[in-house]
Amino acid sequence: MTNSQRLQASGAKRRRLMSAAAQVVHRQGAERTTIADIARAADVPVGNVYYYFKTKDELVAAALAEHGQQLELVTGELNRVADPRERLKGLVEGWVSQREVAARYGCPTGTLAAELGKREEGDLDVAAGDLIRLLLDWVAGRFRELGQPDPDGLAVTLVGAYQGMSVLANALRDPEIMTREGARLIAWLDSL
């Protein structure tokens, strides 16, 4: 195996670990997740995990980074749509399309931010908040493009509505809450 191939394989393993960390932490929460859980999900021997991530907190940070990359992919795809209102509606439709997952585990970033916010040590809660801030800023930018007054406030309203419907769908194990509330958000966006 050449050096280039080794680096490529190493990078692929790291990506698998990051993806597995995001999925397992979302399903189990940061506190209940072990390095062994993530290694198993990534199909990587536990001992190899430490080559890439020295602590569980580094894996949680990797999960947050994975969520950030997913947010960039989603918003990048939505940015291809010319109309900012349609971009916002596409965001809501994307949330609703994940209703089964949200009903079972909640919002990946929101639930992790809430959990990390209860910790007394570390700064992962700040990193989770920064990720939510990225979403808020993107949403506010679309409201700004629409010429709406108080775009930052409208962004909090929209993202807060998503977090609320996600929490309720999860607490009540009812994905249809996401369907109904998503339709209300689409109607609200159309009314602006």
N, C-alpha and C. Protein backbone atom coordinates (compact mmCIF):
# COMPACT_ATOMS: atom_id res chain seq x y z
N MET A 1 0.85 -1.18 0.00
CA MET A 1 0.00 0.00 0.00
C MET A 1 0.90 1.24 0.00
N THR A 2 0.61 2.18 -0.89
CA THR A 2 1.40 3.41 -0.98
C THR A 2 1.02 4.36 0.15
N ASN A 3 1.86 5.36 0.38
CA ASN A 3 1.55 6.38 1.39
C ASN A 3 0.22 7.07 1.09
N SER A 4 -0.01 7.36 -0.16
CA SER A 4 -1.26 8.00 -0.57
C SER A 4 -2.47 7.12 -0.24
N GLN A 5 -2.35 5.85 -0.50
CA GLN A 5 -3.45 4.93 -0.19
C GLN A 5 -3.66 4.81 1.31
N ARG A 6 -2.56 4.79 2.09
CA ARG A 6 -2.68 4.73 3.55
C ARG A 6 -3.38 5.97 4.08
N LEU A 7 -2.99 7.13 3.56
CA LEU A 7 -3.63 8.38 4.00
C LEU A 7 -5.11 8.39 3.63
N GLN A 8 -5.42 7.91 2.45
CA GLN A 8 -6.81 7.86 2.01
C GLN A 8 -7.62 6.90 2.90
N ALA A 9 -7.05 5.74 3.21
CA ALA A 9 -7.73 4.78 4.09
C ALA A 9 -7.89 5.36 5.49
N SER A 10 -6.86 6.05 5.97
CA SER A 10 -6.92 6.67 7.29
C SER A 10 -8.02 7.74 7.33
N GLY A 11 -8.09 8.54 6.27
CA GLY A 11 -9.12 9.58 6.19
C GLY A 11 -10.52 8.98 6.14
N ALA A 12 -10.66 7.88 5.42
CA ALA A 12 -11.96 7.21 5.32
C ALA A 12 -12.38 6.64 6.68
N LYS A 13 -11.43 6.10 7.42
CA LYS A 13 -11.74 5.56 8.74
C LYS A 13 -12.15 6.68 9.69
N ARG A 14 -11.42 7.79 9.63
CA ARG A 14 -11.78 8.94 10.47
C ARG A 14 -13.20 9.43 10.14
N ARG A 15 -13.53 9.50 8.85
CA ARG A 15 -14.88 9.93 8.43
C ARG A 15 -15.94 8.96 8.94
N ARG A 16 -15.64 7.66 8.87
CA ARG A 16 -16.59 6.66 9.39
C ARG A 16 -16.80 6.87 10.88
N LEU A 17 -15.73 7.16 11.60
CA LEU A 17 -15.85 7.38 13.04
C LEU A 17 -16.66 8.65 13.34
N MET A 18 -16.44 9.69 12.57
CA MET A 18 -17.20 10.93 12.76
C MET A 18 -18.69 10.71 12.48
N SER A 19 -18.97 10.02 11.39
CA SER A 19 -20.36 9.73 11.04
C SER A 19 -21.02 8.85 12.11
N ALA A 20 -20.30 7.83 12.54
CA ALA A 20 -20.83 6.95 13.58
C ALA A 20 -21.04 7.71 14.88
N ALA A 21 -20.10 8.60 15.22
CA ALA A 21 -20.25 9.40 16.45
C ALA A 21 -21.52 10.23 16.37
N ALA A 22 -21.77 10.87 15.24
CA ALA A 22 -22.96 11.70 15.09
C ALA A 22 -24.23 10.86 15.26
N GLN A 23 -24.25 9.68 14.66
CA GLN A 23 -25.44 8.83 14.73
C GLN A 23 -25.65 8.26 16.13
N VAL A 24 -24.59 7.74 16.73
CA VAL A 24 -24.73 7.11 18.04
C VAL A 24 -25.03 8.14 19.12
N VAL A 25 -24.35 9.27 19.09
CA VAL A 25 -24.61 10.33 20.08
C VAL A 25 -26.04 10.84 19.93
N HIS A 26 -26.53 10.92 18.70
CA HIS A 26 -27.92 11.35 18.50
C HIS A 26 -28.89 10.35 19.11
N ARG A 27 -28.64 9.07 18.91
CA ARG A 27 -29.55 8.04 19.42
C ARG A 27 -29.45 7.87 20.93
N GLN A 28 -28.25 7.93 21.46
CA GLN A 28 -28.05 7.59 22.88
C GLN A 28 -27.77 8.77 23.78
N GLY A 29 -27.37 9.90 23.21
CA GLY A 29 -26.93 11.03 24.01
C GLY A 29 -25.44 10.92 24.28
N ALA A 30 -24.82 12.05 24.56
CA ALA A 30 -23.36 12.08 24.76
C ALA A 30 -22.95 11.32 26.01
N GLU A 31 -23.69 11.48 27.07
CA GLU A 31 -23.29 10.87 28.34
C GLU A 31 -23.37 9.34 28.31
N ARG A 32 -24.38 8.81 27.66
CA ARG A 32 -24.56 7.35 27.63
C ARG A 32 -23.71 6.66 26.56
N THR A 33 -23.19 7.42 25.63
CA THR A 33 -22.41 6.84 24.54
C THR A 33 -20.99 6.55 25.02
N THR A 34 -20.49 5.38 24.64
CA THR A 34 -19.11 5.03 24.95
C THR A 34 -18.29 5.00 23.66
N ILE A 35 -16.99 5.06 23.83
CA ILE A 35 -16.10 4.95 22.67
C ILE A 35 -16.33 3.61 21.98
N ALA A 36 -16.58 2.56 22.77
CA ALA A 36 -16.83 1.24 22.19
C ALA A 36 -18.09 1.25 21.33
N ASP A 37 -19.13 1.97 21.76
CA ASP A 37 -20.35 2.08 20.95
C ASP A 37 -20.04 2.66 19.58
N ILE A 38 -19.25 3.72 19.57
CA ILE A 38 -18.92 4.40 18.32
C ILE A 38 -18.03 3.51 17.45
N ALA A 39 -17.07 2.86 18.08
CA ALA A 39 -16.19 1.95 17.33
C ALA A 39 -17.01 0.85 16.67
N ARG A 40 -17.95 0.28 17.41
CA ARG A 40 -18.80 -0.79 16.88
C ARG A 40 -19.63 -0.28 15.70
N ALA A 41 -20.20 0.90 15.84
CA ALA A 41 -21.03 1.46 14.76
C ALA A 41 -20.20 1.78 13.52
N ALA A 42 -18.93 2.14 13.72
CA ALA A 42 -18.06 2.47 12.59
C ALA A 42 -17.33 1.25 12.06
N ASP A 43 -17.51 0.10 12.72
CA ASP A 43 -16.82 -1.13 12.35
C ASP A 43 -15.30 -0.93 12.38
N VAL A 44 -14.85 -0.34 13.50
CA VAL A 44 -13.44 -0.07 13.73
C VAL A 44 -13.06 -0.67 15.08
N PRO A 45 -11.93 -1.36 15.19
CA PRO A 45 -11.52 -1.87 16.50
C PRO A 45 -11.38 -0.72 17.51
N VAL A 46 -11.81 -0.97 18.74
CA VAL A 46 -11.82 0.09 19.76
C VAL A 46 -10.43 0.72 19.89
N GLY A 47 -9.39 -0.08 19.88
CA GLY A 47 -8.05 0.46 20.03
C GLY A 47 -7.66 1.43 18.94
N ASN A 48 -8.21 1.25 17.75
CA ASN A 48 -7.91 2.15 16.64
C ASN A 48 -8.55 3.53 16.81
N VAL A 49 -9.62 3.59 17.57
CA VAL A 49 -10.31 4.87 17.76
C VAL A 49 -9.36 5.89 18.37
N TYR A 50 -8.54 5.44 19.31
CA TYR A 50 -7.64 6.35 20.03
C TYR A 50 -6.57 6.95 19.14
N TYR A 51 -6.33 6.36 18.00
CA TYR A 51 -5.40 6.93 17.03
C TYR A 51 -5.97 8.25 16.48
N TYR A 52 -7.29 8.31 16.36
CA TYR A 52 -7.95 9.47 15.77
C TYR A 52 -8.52 10.42 16.83
N PHE A 53 -9.04 9.86 17.90
CA PHE A 53 -9.71 10.64 18.94
C PHE A 53 -9.25 10.13 20.30
N LYS A 54 -8.64 10.99 21.09
CA LYS A 54 -8.06 10.57 22.37
C LYS A 54 -9.09 10.42 23.47
N THR A 55 -10.19 11.17 23.40
CA THR A 55 -11.20 11.15 24.46
C THR A 55 -12.60 11.08 23.86
N LYS A 56 -13.54 10.76 24.71
CA LYS A 56 -14.94 10.75 24.26
C LYS A 56 -15.37 12.17 23.88
N ASP A 57 -14.88 13.18 24.60
CA ASP A 57 -15.24 14.55 24.25
C ASP A 57 -14.77 14.91 22.84
N GLU A 58 -13.62 14.38 22.43
CA GLU A 58 -13.17 14.62 21.06
C GLU A 58 -14.12 13.97 20.06
N LEU A 59 -14.68 12.83 20.43
CA LEU A 59 -15.67 12.18 19.56
C LEU A 59 -16.97 12.97 19.53
N VAL A 60 -17.37 13.54 20.66
CA VAL A 60 -18.57 14.37 20.68
C VAL A 60 -18.34 15.62 19.83
N ALA A 61 -17.15 16.19 19.93
CA ALA A 61 -16.81 17.33 19.07
C ALA A 61 -16.85 16.91 17.60
N ALA A 62 -16.40 15.69 17.31
CA ALA A 62 -16.47 15.18 15.93
C ALA A 62 -17.91 15.03 15.48
N ALA A 63 -18.78 14.60 16.40
CA ALA A 63 -20.21 14.49 16.07
C ALA A 63 -20.77 15.86 15.73
N LEU A 64 -20.40 16.87 16.51
CA LEU A 64 -20.84 18.24 16.22
C LEU A 64 -20.31 18.70 14.86
N ALA A 65 -19.05 18.38 14.58
CA ALA A 65 -18.48 18.75 13.29
C ALA A 65 -19.24 18.07 12.14
N GLU A 66 -19.63 16.83 12.36
CA GLU A 66 -20.41 16.10 11.35
C GLU A 66 -21.76 16.78 11.14
N HIS A 67 -22.40 17.19 12.23
CA HIS A 67 -23.67 17.92 12.10
C HIS A 67 -23.45 19.23 11.34
N GLY A 68 -22.32 19.89 11.61
CA GLY A 68 -22.00 21.12 10.89
C GLY A 68 -21.81 20.89 9.41
N GLN A 69 -21.15 19.80 9.06
CA GLN A 69 -20.98 19.47 7.64
C GLN A 69 -22.31 19.17 6.98
N GLN A 70 -23.19 18.48 7.70
CA GLN A 70 -24.52 18.20 7.15
C GLN A 70 -25.30 19.49 6.94
N LEU A 71 -25.19 20.42 7.90
CA LEU A 71 -25.86 21.72 7.76
C LEU A 71 -25.33 22.45 6.53
N GLU A 72 -24.02 22.43 6.34
CA GLU A 72 -23.43 23.08 5.16
C GLU A 72 -23.94 22.44 3.87
N LEU A 73 -24.05 21.12 3.85
CA LEU A 73 -24.57 20.44 2.66
C LEU A 73 -26.02 20.85 2.38
N VAL A 74 -26.83 20.85 3.42
CA VAL A 74 -28.25 21.19 3.25
C VAL A 74 -28.40 22.63 2.78
N THR A 75 -27.75 23.56 3.48
CA THR A 75 -27.90 24.97 3.10
C THR A 75 -27.25 25.24 1.75
N GLY A 76 -26.16 24.55 1.45
CA GLY A 76 -25.55 24.71 0.14
C GLY A 76 -26.48 24.27 -0.98
N GLU A 77 -27.16 23.16 -0.76
CA GLU A 77 -28.14 22.67 -1.73
C GLU A 77 -29.31 23.65 -1.85
N LEU A 78 -29.79 24.14 -0.71
CA LEU A 78 -30.91 25.09 -0.72
C LEU A 78 -30.51 26.40 -1.38
N ASN A 79 -29.26 26.79 -1.26
CA ASN A 79 -28.80 28.05 -1.87
C ASN A 79 -28.86 28.01 -3.39
N ARG A 80 -29.04 26.84 -3.96
CA ARG A 80 -29.18 26.74 -5.42
C ARG A 80 -30.56 27.20 -5.89
N VAL A 81 -31.49 27.26 -4.95
CA VAL A 81 -32.85 27.71 -5.27
C VAL A 81 -32.84 29.23 -5.30
N ALA A 82 -33.39 29.82 -6.35
CA ALA A 82 -33.30 31.26 -6.55
C ALA A 82 -34.09 32.06 -5.51
N ASP A 83 -35.30 31.63 -5.20
CA ASP A 83 -36.20 32.39 -4.32
C ASP A 83 -35.90 32.08 -2.85
N PRO A 84 -35.56 33.11 -2.04
CA PRO A 84 -35.25 32.88 -0.63
C PRO A 84 -36.42 32.28 0.16
N ARG A 85 -37.65 32.62 -0.21
CA ARG A 85 -38.81 32.03 0.47
C ARG A 85 -38.87 30.53 0.21
N GLU A 86 -38.59 30.15 -1.03
CA GLU A 86 -38.58 28.73 -1.38
C GLU A 86 -37.44 27.99 -0.68
N ARG A 87 -36.32 28.70 -0.46
CA ARG A 87 -35.22 28.09 0.30
C ARG A 87 -35.66 27.79 1.73
N LEU A 88 -36.35 28.75 2.34
CA LEU A 88 -36.84 28.55 3.71
C LEU A 88 -37.88 27.43 3.76
N LYS A 89 -38.75 27.41 2.77
CA LYS A 89 -39.75 26.33 2.72
C LYS A 89 -39.07 24.98 2.51
N GLY A 90 -38.02 24.95 1.70
CA GLY A 90 -37.26 23.73 1.51
C GLY A 90 -36.61 23.25 2.80
N LEU A 91 -36.15 24.19 3.61
CA LEU A 91 -35.58 23.83 4.91
C LEU A 91 -36.64 23.17 5.78
N VAL A 92 -37.81 23.76 5.84
CA VAL A 92 -38.91 23.19 6.64
C VAL A 92 -39.29 21.81 6.10
N GLU A 93 -39.39 21.69 4.79
CA GLU A 93 -39.73 20.39 4.19
C GLU A 93 -38.67 19.34 4.53
N GLY A 94 -37.42 19.76 4.58
CA GLY A 94 -36.34 18.84 4.97
C GLY A 94 -36.51 18.39 6.41
N TRP A 95 -36.86 19.31 7.29
CA TRP A 95 -37.11 18.96 8.69
C TRP A 95 -38.24 17.94 8.78
N VAL A 96 -39.32 18.23 8.07
CA VAL A 96 -40.49 17.34 8.13
C VAL A 96 -40.14 15.96 7.56
N SER A 97 -39.29 15.91 6.56
CA SER A 97 -38.92 14.61 5.98
C SER A 97 -38.17 13.74 6.98
N GLN A 98 -37.64 14.35 8.03
CA GLN A 98 -36.92 13.61 9.08
C GLN A 98 -37.79 13.36 10.30
N ARG A 99 -39.10 13.43 10.13
CA ARG A 99 -40.03 13.35 11.27
C ARG A 99 -39.95 12.04 12.04
N GLU A 100 -39.71 10.94 11.36
CA GLU A 100 -39.62 9.65 12.06
C GLU A 100 -38.41 9.63 12.99
N VAL A 101 -37.30 10.14 12.50
CA VAL A 101 -36.07 10.21 13.31
C VAL A 101 -36.27 11.18 14.47
N ALA A 102 -36.88 12.33 14.19
CA ALA A 102 -37.12 13.32 15.24
C ALA A 102 -38.05 12.77 16.30
N ALA A 103 -39.08 12.03 15.89
CA ALA A 103 -40.02 11.46 16.86
C ALA A 103 -39.32 10.44 17.75
N ARG A 104 -38.33 9.79 17.24
CA ARG A 104 -37.63 8.78 18.04
C ARG A 104 -36.50 9.38 18.88
N TYR A 105 -35.73 10.33 18.30
CA TYR A 105 -34.53 10.80 18.98
C TYR A 105 -34.44 12.31 19.17
N GLY A 106 -35.36 13.08 18.59
CA GLY A 106 -35.28 14.53 18.67
C GLY A 106 -34.38 15.10 17.59
N CYS A 107 -34.18 16.39 17.63
CA CYS A 107 -33.28 17.07 16.69
C CYS A 107 -31.84 16.73 17.07
N PRO A 108 -31.03 16.31 16.10
CA PRO A 108 -29.66 15.92 16.44
C PRO A 108 -28.86 17.02 17.14
N THR A 109 -28.94 18.22 16.65
CA THR A 109 -28.16 19.30 17.24
C THR A 109 -28.83 19.87 18.47
N GLY A 110 -30.14 20.05 18.41
CA GLY A 110 -30.86 20.63 19.55
C GLY A 110 -30.79 19.77 20.80
N THR A 111 -30.98 18.46 20.64
CA THR A 111 -30.93 17.59 21.82
C THR A 111 -29.52 17.53 22.38
N LEU A 112 -28.52 17.53 21.50
CA LEU A 112 -27.14 17.51 21.96
C LEU A 112 -26.78 18.83 22.66
N ALA A 113 -27.23 19.94 22.10
CA ALA A 113 -26.97 21.24 22.73
C ALA A 113 -27.60 21.30 24.11
N ALA A 114 -28.82 20.80 24.25
CA ALA A 114 -29.49 20.80 25.55
C ALA A 114 -28.74 19.93 26.55
N GLU A 115 -28.31 18.76 26.10
CA GLU A 115 -27.57 17.86 26.99
C GLU A 115 -26.23 18.47 27.40
N LEU A 116 -25.49 19.01 26.44
CA LEU A 116 -24.18 19.57 26.74
C LEU A 116 -24.29 20.83 27.59
N GLY A 117 -25.39 21.53 27.47
CA GLY A 117 -25.61 22.74 28.27
C GLY A 117 -25.73 22.45 29.75
N LYS A 118 -25.99 21.21 30.11
CA LYS A 118 -26.12 20.82 31.52
C LYS A 118 -24.79 20.45 32.15
N ARG A 119 -23.77 20.32 31.33
CA ARG A 119 -22.44 19.98 31.85
C ARG A 119 -21.84 21.18 32.55
N GLU A 120 -21.02 20.89 33.52
CA GLU A 120 -20.34 21.97 34.23
C GLU A 120 -18.93 22.20 33.72
N GLU A 121 -18.38 21.24 33.00
CA GLU A 121 -17.02 21.38 32.50
C GLU A 121 -17.00 21.32 30.97
N GLY A 122 -15.91 21.81 30.41
CA GLY A 122 -15.74 21.75 28.96
C GLY A 122 -16.47 22.86 28.24
N ASP A 123 -16.23 22.91 26.95
CA ASP A 123 -16.84 23.97 26.13
C ASP A 123 -17.60 23.41 24.93
N LEU A 124 -17.97 22.15 25.03
CA LEU A 124 -18.73 21.56 23.93
C LEU A 124 -20.11 22.21 23.79
N ASP A 125 -20.66 22.70 24.89
CA ASP A 125 -21.95 23.39 24.82
C ASP A 125 -21.84 24.64 23.95
N VAL A 126 -20.71 25.31 24.03
CA VAL A 126 -20.48 26.50 23.20
C VAL A 126 -20.41 26.09 21.73
N ALA A 127 -19.72 24.99 21.44
CA ALA A 127 -19.63 24.51 20.06
C ALA A 127 -21.00 24.15 19.51
N ALA A 128 -21.85 23.52 20.35
CA ALA A 128 -23.21 23.18 19.91
C ALA A 128 -24.01 24.46 19.66
N GLY A 129 -23.85 25.44 20.52
CA GLY A 129 -24.53 26.72 20.33
C GLY A 129 -24.07 27.42 19.07
N ASP A 130 -22.77 27.31 18.78
CA ASP A 130 -22.24 27.91 17.55
C ASP A 130 -22.87 27.29 16.31
N LEU A 131 -23.12 26.01 16.37
CA LEU A 131 -23.75 25.31 15.25
C LEU A 131 -25.19 25.79 15.05
N ILE A 132 -25.91 25.96 16.14
CA ILE A 132 -27.27 26.49 16.04
C ILE A 132 -27.23 27.93 15.53
N ARG A 133 -26.22 28.68 15.96
CA ARG A 133 -26.07 30.07 15.48
C ARG A 133 -25.86 30.09 13.96
N LEU A 134 -25.12 29.13 13.42
CA LEU A 134 -24.94 29.07 11.97
C LEU A 134 -26.28 28.91 11.25
N LEU A 135 -27.14 28.05 11.79
CA LEU A 135 -28.47 27.87 11.20
C LEU A 135 -29.27 29.16 11.32
N LEU A 136 -29.26 29.76 12.50
CA LEU A 136 -30.00 31.01 12.69
C LEU A 136 -29.51 32.08 11.71
N ASP A 137 -28.21 32.19 11.54
CA ASP A 137 -27.66 33.20 10.63
C ASP A 137 -28.08 32.93 9.19
N TRP A 138 -28.08 31.66 8.79
CA TRP A 138 -28.49 31.34 7.43
C TRP A 138 -29.96 31.70 7.23
N VAL A 139 -30.80 31.33 8.19
CA VAL A 139 -32.24 31.63 8.09
C VAL A 139 -32.46 33.14 8.07
N ALA A 140 -31.78 33.87 8.96
CA ALA A 140 -31.92 35.33 9.01
C ALA A 140 -31.51 35.95 7.67
N GLY A 141 -30.49 35.39 7.05
CA GLY A 141 -30.07 35.89 5.74
C GLY A 141 -31.16 35.77 4.69
N ARG A 142 -31.93 34.69 4.75
CA ARG A 142 -33.02 34.52 3.79
C ARG A 142 -34.13 35.53 4.06
N PHE A 143 -34.45 35.75 5.34
CA PHE A 143 -35.46 36.76 5.67
C PHE A 143 -34.98 38.15 5.25
N ARG A 144 -33.68 38.40 5.39
CA ARG A 144 -33.11 39.68 4.97
C ARG A 144 -33.28 39.84 3.45
N GLU A 145 -33.02 38.77 2.70
CA GLU A 145 -33.20 38.81 1.24
C GLU A 145 -34.64 39.12 0.88
N LEU A 146 -35.57 38.66 1.71
CA LEU A 146 -36.99 38.92 1.46
C LEU A 146 -37.41 40.32 1.87
N GLY A 147 -36.49 41.05 2.47
CA GLY A 147 -36.79 42.41 2.92
C GLY A 147 -37.66 42.46 4.15
N GLN A 148 -37.66 41.41 4.93
CA GLN A 148 -38.49 41.34 6.13
C GLN A 148 -37.88 42.17 7.26
N PRO A 149 -38.74 42.88 8.01
CA PRO A 149 -38.23 43.57 9.19
C PRO A 149 -37.85 42.53 10.26
N ASP A 150 -36.85 42.81 11.04
CA ASP A 150 -36.38 41.94 12.12
C ASP A 150 -36.07 40.52 11.64
N PRO A 151 -35.18 40.38 10.67
CA PRO A 151 -34.86 39.05 10.16
C PRO A 151 -34.27 38.13 11.24
N ASP A 152 -33.53 38.69 12.18
CA ASP A 152 -32.96 37.85 13.24
C ASP A 152 -34.06 37.30 14.14
N GLY A 153 -35.05 38.12 14.45
CA GLY A 153 -36.18 37.66 15.25
C GLY A 153 -37.00 36.60 14.53
N LEU A 154 -37.20 36.80 13.23
CA LEU A 154 -37.94 35.81 12.44
C LEU A 154 -37.18 34.48 12.37
N ALA A 155 -35.85 34.57 12.31
CA ALA A 155 -35.03 33.35 12.30
C ALA A 155 -35.21 32.58 13.61
N VAL A 156 -35.22 33.30 14.73
CA VAL A 156 -35.43 32.65 16.03
C VAL A 156 -36.81 32.01 16.06
N THR A 157 -37.81 32.70 15.51
CA THR A 157 -39.17 32.15 15.46
C THR A 157 -39.20 30.85 14.67
N LEU A 158 -38.59 30.85 13.49
CA LEU A 158 -38.63 29.67 12.63
C LEU A 158 -37.83 28.50 13.24
N VAL A 159 -36.60 28.76 13.65
CA VAL A 159 -35.78 27.69 14.21
C VAL A 159 -36.35 27.23 15.55
N GLY A 160 -36.87 28.17 16.33
CA GLY A 160 -37.52 27.80 17.60
C GLY A 160 -38.74 26.93 17.38
N ALA A 161 -39.50 27.23 16.33
CA ALA A 161 -40.67 26.40 16.02
C ALA A 161 -40.23 24.99 15.65
N TYR A 162 -39.14 24.88 14.89
CA TYR A 162 -38.62 23.56 14.55
C TYR A 162 -38.18 22.82 15.81
N GLN A 163 -37.44 23.48 16.67
CA GLN A 163 -36.98 22.82 17.90
C GLN A 163 -38.19 22.39 18.74
N GLY A 164 -39.18 23.24 18.82
CA GLY A 164 -40.38 22.90 19.59
C GLY A 164 -41.13 21.71 19.02
N MET A 165 -41.32 21.70 17.71
CA MET A 165 -42.06 20.58 17.12
C MET A 165 -41.24 19.30 17.21
N SER A 166 -39.93 19.43 17.16
CA SER A 166 -39.07 18.26 17.29
C SER A 166 -39.14 17.69 18.70
N VAL A 167 -39.10 18.56 19.70
CA VAL A 167 -39.21 18.12 21.10
C VAL A 167 -40.56 17.45 21.34
N LEU A 168 -41.63 18.07 20.87
CA LEU A 168 -42.96 17.51 21.07
C LEU A 168 -43.12 16.18 20.34
N ALA A 169 -42.66 16.11 19.11
CA ALA A 169 -42.75 14.83 18.37
C ALA A 169 -42.00 13.74 19.11
N ASN A 170 -40.84 14.09 19.66
CA ASN A 170 -40.04 13.12 20.40
C ASN A 170 -40.72 12.74 21.72
N ALA A 171 -41.16 13.72 22.47
CA ALA A 171 -41.77 13.45 23.78
C ALA A 171 -43.05 12.62 23.65
N LEU A 172 -43.82 12.90 22.61
CA LEU A 172 -45.09 12.21 22.41
C LEU A 172 -44.97 11.03 21.44
N ARG A 173 -43.77 10.84 20.89
CA ARG A 173 -43.52 9.77 19.90
C ARG A 173 -44.54 9.84 18.77
N ASP A 174 -44.77 11.07 18.30
CA ASP A 174 -45.77 11.30 17.26
C ASP A 174 -45.16 12.09 16.11
N PRO A 175 -44.70 11.44 15.07
CA PRO A 175 -44.08 12.14 13.95
C PRO A 175 -45.04 13.07 13.21
N GLU A 176 -46.34 12.81 13.35
CA GLU A 176 -47.30 13.66 12.63
C GLU A 176 -47.36 15.08 13.18
N ILE A 177 -46.85 15.29 14.38
CA ILE A 177 -46.72 16.65 14.89
C ILE A 177 -45.83 17.45 13.94
N MET A 178 -44.76 16.82 13.49
CA MET A 178 -43.85 17.49 12.55
C MET A 178 -44.57 17.81 11.24
N THR A 179 -45.41 16.90 10.78
CA THR A 179 -46.14 17.11 9.54
C THR A 179 -47.08 18.31 9.67
N ARG A 180 -47.88 18.30 10.74
CA ARG A 180 -48.85 19.39 10.94
C ARG A 180 -48.17 20.73 11.17
N GLU A 181 -47.17 20.75 12.04
CA GLU A 181 -46.51 22.02 12.36
C GLU A 181 -45.66 22.50 11.19
N GLY A 182 -45.10 21.57 10.43
CA GLY A 182 -44.38 21.96 9.22
C GLY A 182 -45.30 22.65 8.22
N ALA A 183 -46.51 22.13 8.07
CA ALA A 183 -47.49 22.76 7.17
C ALA A 183 -47.84 24.17 7.66
N ARG A 184 -47.96 24.33 8.97
CA ARG A 184 -48.22 25.68 9.52
C ARG A 184 -47.07 26.63 9.22
N LEU A 185 -45.84 26.13 9.36
CA LEU A 185 -44.68 26.97 9.08
C LEU A 185 -44.63 27.37 7.60
N ILE A 186 -44.95 26.43 6.72
CA ILE A 186 -44.98 26.74 5.28
C ILE A 186 -46.03 27.82 5.01
N ALA A 187 -47.21 27.67 5.60
CA ALA A 187 -48.27 28.67 5.43
C ALA A 187 -47.83 30.03 5.97
N TRP A 188 -47.16 30.01 7.10
CA TRP A 188 -46.66 31.26 7.71
C TRP A 188 -45.65 31.92 6.76
N LEU A 189 -44.72 31.13 6.22
CA LEU A 189 -43.74 31.69 5.29
C LEU A 189 -44.42 32.26 4.05
N ASP A 190 -45.44 31.59 3.56
CA ASP A 190 -46.19 32.10 2.40
C ASP A 190 -46.91 33.41 2.72
N SER A 191 -47.27 33.60 3.99
CA SER A 191 -48.02 34.80 4.37
C SER A 191 -47.14 36.02 4.54
N LEU A 192 -45.84 35.82 4.65
CA LEU A 192 -44.93 36.95 4.87
C LEU A 192 -44.67 37.74 3.60
